[in-house]
């Protein structure tokens, strides 16, 4: 059985999920698909952590979009 995501990929175990019962790691507010989120995922892989944290940001915040539009109008 693979011990990390990278090891699982190397042996073709595509449904691998690391055990998380005692693993603590930070969530991220990075937008899905953003360069920042990709960097977070790459770091998690390198550290042998699960790719997804239950508290990771899942969607784009419409309030943030509205605030950015207002700032652009000034």
N, C-alpha and C. Protein backbone atom coordinates (compact mmCIF):
# COMPACT_ATOMS: atom_id res chain seq x y z
N UNK A 1 0.84 -1.18 0.00
CA UNK A 1 0.00 0.00 0.00
C UNK A 1 0.89 1.25 0.00
N UNK A 2 0.51 2.22 -0.79
CA UNK A 2 1.26 3.48 -0.91
C UNK A 2 1.19 4.27 0.40
N UNK A 3 2.29 4.99 0.69
CA UNK A 3 2.35 5.80 1.90
C UNK A 3 2.17 7.28 1.63
N UNK A 4 2.22 7.69 0.36
CA UNK A 4 2.05 9.10 0.02
C UNK A 4 1.36 9.20 -1.34
N UNK A 5 0.88 10.40 -1.66
CA UNK A 5 0.22 10.64 -2.93
C UNK A 5 1.18 10.36 -4.09
N UNK A 6 2.43 10.82 -3.95
CA UNK A 6 3.41 10.60 -5.02
C UNK A 6 3.69 9.13 -5.23
N UNK A 7 3.83 8.38 -4.15
CA UNK A 7 4.06 6.94 -4.26
C UNK A 7 2.87 6.25 -4.91
N UNK A 8 1.66 6.66 -4.55
CA UNK A 8 0.45 6.08 -5.13
C UNK A 8 0.39 6.33 -6.64
N UNK A 9 0.75 7.52 -7.07
CA UNK A 9 0.75 7.85 -8.49
C UNK A 9 1.77 6.98 -9.22
N UNK A 10 2.93 6.80 -8.62
CA UNK A 10 3.97 6.00 -9.25
C UNK A 10 3.55 4.55 -9.48
N UNK A 11 2.73 4.01 -8.57
CA UNK A 11 2.30 2.61 -8.72
C UNK A 11 0.91 2.51 -9.35
N UNK A 12 0.33 3.64 -9.76
CA UNK A 12 -0.97 3.61 -10.44
C UNK A 12 -2.16 3.42 -9.53
N UNK A 13 -2.05 3.77 -8.27
CA UNK A 13 -3.16 3.67 -7.34
C UNK A 13 -3.90 5.01 -7.33
N UNK A 14 -4.86 5.16 -8.23
CA UNK A 14 -5.51 6.46 -8.48
C UNK A 14 -6.55 6.84 -7.44
N UNK A 15 -6.97 5.91 -6.60
CA UNK A 15 -7.98 6.23 -5.58
C UNK A 15 -7.36 6.43 -4.19
N UNK A 16 -6.07 6.68 -4.12
CA UNK A 16 -5.37 6.83 -2.85
C UNK A 16 -5.85 8.06 -2.09
N UNK A 17 -6.07 7.87 -0.81
CA UNK A 17 -6.37 8.97 0.11
C UNK A 17 -5.56 8.74 1.36
N UNK A 18 -4.70 9.68 1.73
CA UNK A 18 -3.90 9.51 2.95
C UNK A 18 -4.80 9.41 4.18
N UNK A 19 -4.34 8.67 5.17
CA UNK A 19 -5.08 8.61 6.42
C UNK A 19 -5.03 9.99 7.08
N UNK A 20 -6.17 10.46 7.53
CA UNK A 20 -6.23 11.82 8.07
C UNK A 20 -6.66 11.87 9.52
N UNK A 21 -6.77 10.73 10.17
CA UNK A 21 -7.30 10.75 11.54
C UNK A 21 -6.44 11.54 12.52
N UNK A 22 -5.15 11.68 12.26
CA UNK A 22 -4.32 12.44 13.18
C UNK A 22 -3.46 13.49 12.46
N UNK A 23 -3.80 13.78 11.22
CA UNK A 23 -3.05 14.77 10.46
C UNK A 23 -3.74 16.13 10.57
N UNK A 24 -2.98 17.12 11.00
CA UNK A 24 -3.51 18.48 11.03
C UNK A 24 -2.73 19.33 10.04
N UNK A 25 -3.43 20.07 9.20
CA UNK A 25 -2.80 20.97 8.26
C UNK A 25 -3.76 22.11 7.98
N UNK A 26 -3.20 23.22 7.53
CA UNK A 26 -3.98 24.44 7.33
C UNK A 26 -4.84 24.40 6.08
N UNK A 27 -5.99 25.02 6.17
CA UNK A 27 -6.84 25.21 4.99
C UNK A 27 -6.35 26.44 4.24
N UNK A 28 -6.93 26.69 3.07
CA UNK A 28 -6.54 27.86 2.28
C UNK A 28 -7.77 28.60 1.77
N UNK A 29 -7.63 29.92 1.65
CA UNK A 29 -8.68 30.75 1.07
C UNK A 29 -8.41 31.01 -0.41
N UNK A 30 -7.36 30.39 -0.95
CA UNK A 30 -7.03 30.61 -2.36
C UNK A 30 -8.17 30.15 -3.26
N UNK A 31 -8.40 30.92 -4.31
CA UNK A 31 -9.48 30.60 -5.26
C UNK A 31 -9.18 29.29 -5.99
N UNK A 32 -10.18 28.44 -6.15
CA UNK A 32 -9.97 27.21 -6.93
C UNK A 32 -9.45 27.55 -8.32
N UNK A 33 -8.42 26.83 -8.74
CA UNK A 33 -7.85 27.04 -10.07
C UNK A 33 -6.82 28.15 -10.14
N UNK A 34 -6.65 28.90 -9.06
CA UNK A 34 -5.69 30.00 -9.07
C UNK A 34 -4.27 29.47 -8.91
N UNK A 35 -3.30 30.29 -9.29
CA UNK A 35 -1.89 29.92 -9.13
C UNK A 35 -1.59 29.65 -7.65
N UNK A 36 -2.17 30.47 -6.78
CA UNK A 36 -1.96 30.29 -5.34
C UNK A 36 -2.48 28.93 -4.87
N UNK A 37 -3.67 28.54 -5.33
CA UNK A 37 -4.25 27.25 -4.92
C UNK A 37 -3.41 26.10 -5.47
N UNK A 38 -2.94 26.22 -6.70
CA UNK A 38 -2.09 25.17 -7.27
C UNK A 38 -0.81 25.02 -6.46
N UNK A 39 -0.26 26.13 -6.00
CA UNK A 39 0.96 26.07 -5.18
C UNK A 39 0.68 25.37 -3.85
N UNK A 40 -0.48 25.67 -3.24
CA UNK A 40 -0.86 25.02 -1.99
C UNK A 40 -0.98 23.51 -2.20
N UNK A 41 -1.65 23.12 -3.30
CA UNK A 41 -1.81 21.69 -3.58
C UNK A 41 -0.47 21.01 -3.82
N UNK A 42 0.43 21.68 -4.55
CA UNK A 42 1.76 21.12 -4.81
C UNK A 42 2.52 20.94 -3.50
N UNK A 43 2.42 21.90 -2.60
CA UNK A 43 3.10 21.80 -1.31
C UNK A 43 2.52 20.65 -0.50
N UNK A 44 1.21 20.49 -0.52
CA UNK A 44 0.58 19.38 0.20
C UNK A 44 1.07 18.04 -0.35
N UNK A 45 1.16 17.92 -1.66
CA UNK A 45 1.66 16.67 -2.26
C UNK A 45 3.07 16.40 -1.79
N UNK A 46 3.92 17.41 -1.86
CA UNK A 46 5.32 17.24 -1.45
C UNK A 46 5.44 16.82 0.01
N UNK A 47 4.51 17.25 0.83
CA UNK A 47 4.55 16.94 2.26
C UNK A 47 3.80 15.65 2.60
N UNK A 48 3.20 15.01 1.58
CA UNK A 48 2.46 13.78 1.80
C UNK A 48 1.12 13.98 2.49
N UNK A 49 0.58 15.19 2.39
CA UNK A 49 -0.70 15.52 3.00
C UNK A 49 -1.84 15.25 2.04
N UNK A 50 -3.07 15.17 2.56
CA UNK A 50 -4.22 15.09 1.66
C UNK A 50 -4.30 16.35 0.80
N UNK A 51 -4.78 16.22 -0.42
CA UNK A 51 -4.90 17.38 -1.29
C UNK A 51 -5.95 18.36 -0.78
N UNK A 52 -7.05 17.85 -0.28
CA UNK A 52 -8.19 18.71 0.05
C UNK A 52 -8.38 18.80 1.55
N UNK A 53 -8.62 20.00 2.03
CA UNK A 53 -8.96 20.27 3.43
C UNK A 53 -10.45 20.61 3.45
N UNK A 54 -11.19 20.10 4.41
CA UNK A 54 -12.64 20.38 4.44
C UNK A 54 -12.98 21.87 4.47
N UNK A 55 -12.07 22.69 4.98
CA UNK A 55 -12.34 24.13 5.07
C UNK A 55 -11.71 24.94 3.94
N UNK A 56 -11.14 24.28 2.93
CA UNK A 56 -10.63 25.01 1.77
C UNK A 56 -11.76 25.76 1.08
N UNK A 57 -11.40 26.84 0.45
CA UNK A 57 -12.38 27.63 -0.31
C UNK A 57 -12.84 26.81 -1.52
N UNK A 58 -14.16 26.74 -1.72
CA UNK A 58 -14.73 25.93 -2.80
C UNK A 58 -15.30 26.75 -3.95
N UNK A 59 -15.71 27.98 -3.68
CA UNK A 59 -16.36 28.79 -4.70
C UNK A 59 -15.86 30.23 -4.65
N UNK A 60 -16.17 30.96 -5.69
CA UNK A 60 -15.81 32.37 -5.76
C UNK A 60 -16.83 33.18 -4.97
N UNK A 61 -16.35 34.06 -4.13
CA UNK A 61 -17.22 34.87 -3.29
C UNK A 61 -17.75 36.06 -4.09
N UNK A 62 -19.01 36.13 -4.32
CA UNK A 62 -19.61 37.21 -5.11
C UNK A 62 -19.44 38.57 -4.44
N UNK A 63 -19.40 38.61 -3.12
CA UNK A 63 -19.19 39.89 -2.43
C UNK A 63 -17.80 40.43 -2.74
N UNK A 64 -16.82 39.55 -2.82
CA UNK A 64 -15.47 39.98 -3.17
C UNK A 64 -15.46 40.55 -4.59
N UNK A 65 -16.14 39.89 -5.50
CA UNK A 65 -16.21 40.37 -6.88
C UNK A 65 -16.82 41.77 -6.92
N UNK A 66 -17.88 42.00 -6.17
CA UNK A 66 -18.51 43.31 -6.14
C UNK A 66 -17.55 44.36 -5.59
N UNK A 67 -16.81 44.02 -4.55
CA UNK A 67 -15.85 44.96 -3.96
C UNK A 67 -14.74 45.29 -4.95
N UNK A 68 -14.27 44.30 -5.68
CA UNK A 68 -13.22 44.54 -6.67
C UNK A 68 -13.73 45.44 -7.79
N UNK A 69 -14.97 45.25 -8.19
CA UNK A 69 -15.55 46.10 -9.24
C UNK A 69 -15.65 47.54 -8.76
N UNK A 70 -16.05 47.74 -7.51
CA UNK A 70 -16.17 49.09 -6.96
C UNK A 70 -14.81 49.76 -6.91
N UNK A 71 -13.77 49.04 -6.51
CA UNK A 71 -12.43 49.60 -6.44
C UNK A 71 -11.94 49.98 -7.82
N UNK A 72 -12.31 49.25 -8.85
CA UNK A 72 -11.89 49.53 -10.21
C UNK A 72 -12.58 50.75 -10.80
N UNK A 73 -13.74 51.13 -10.26
CA UNK A 73 -14.48 52.28 -10.77
C UNK A 73 -13.93 53.60 -10.25
N UNK A 74 -13.13 53.55 -9.20
CA UNK A 74 -12.66 54.80 -8.59
C UNK A 74 -11.52 55.38 -9.33
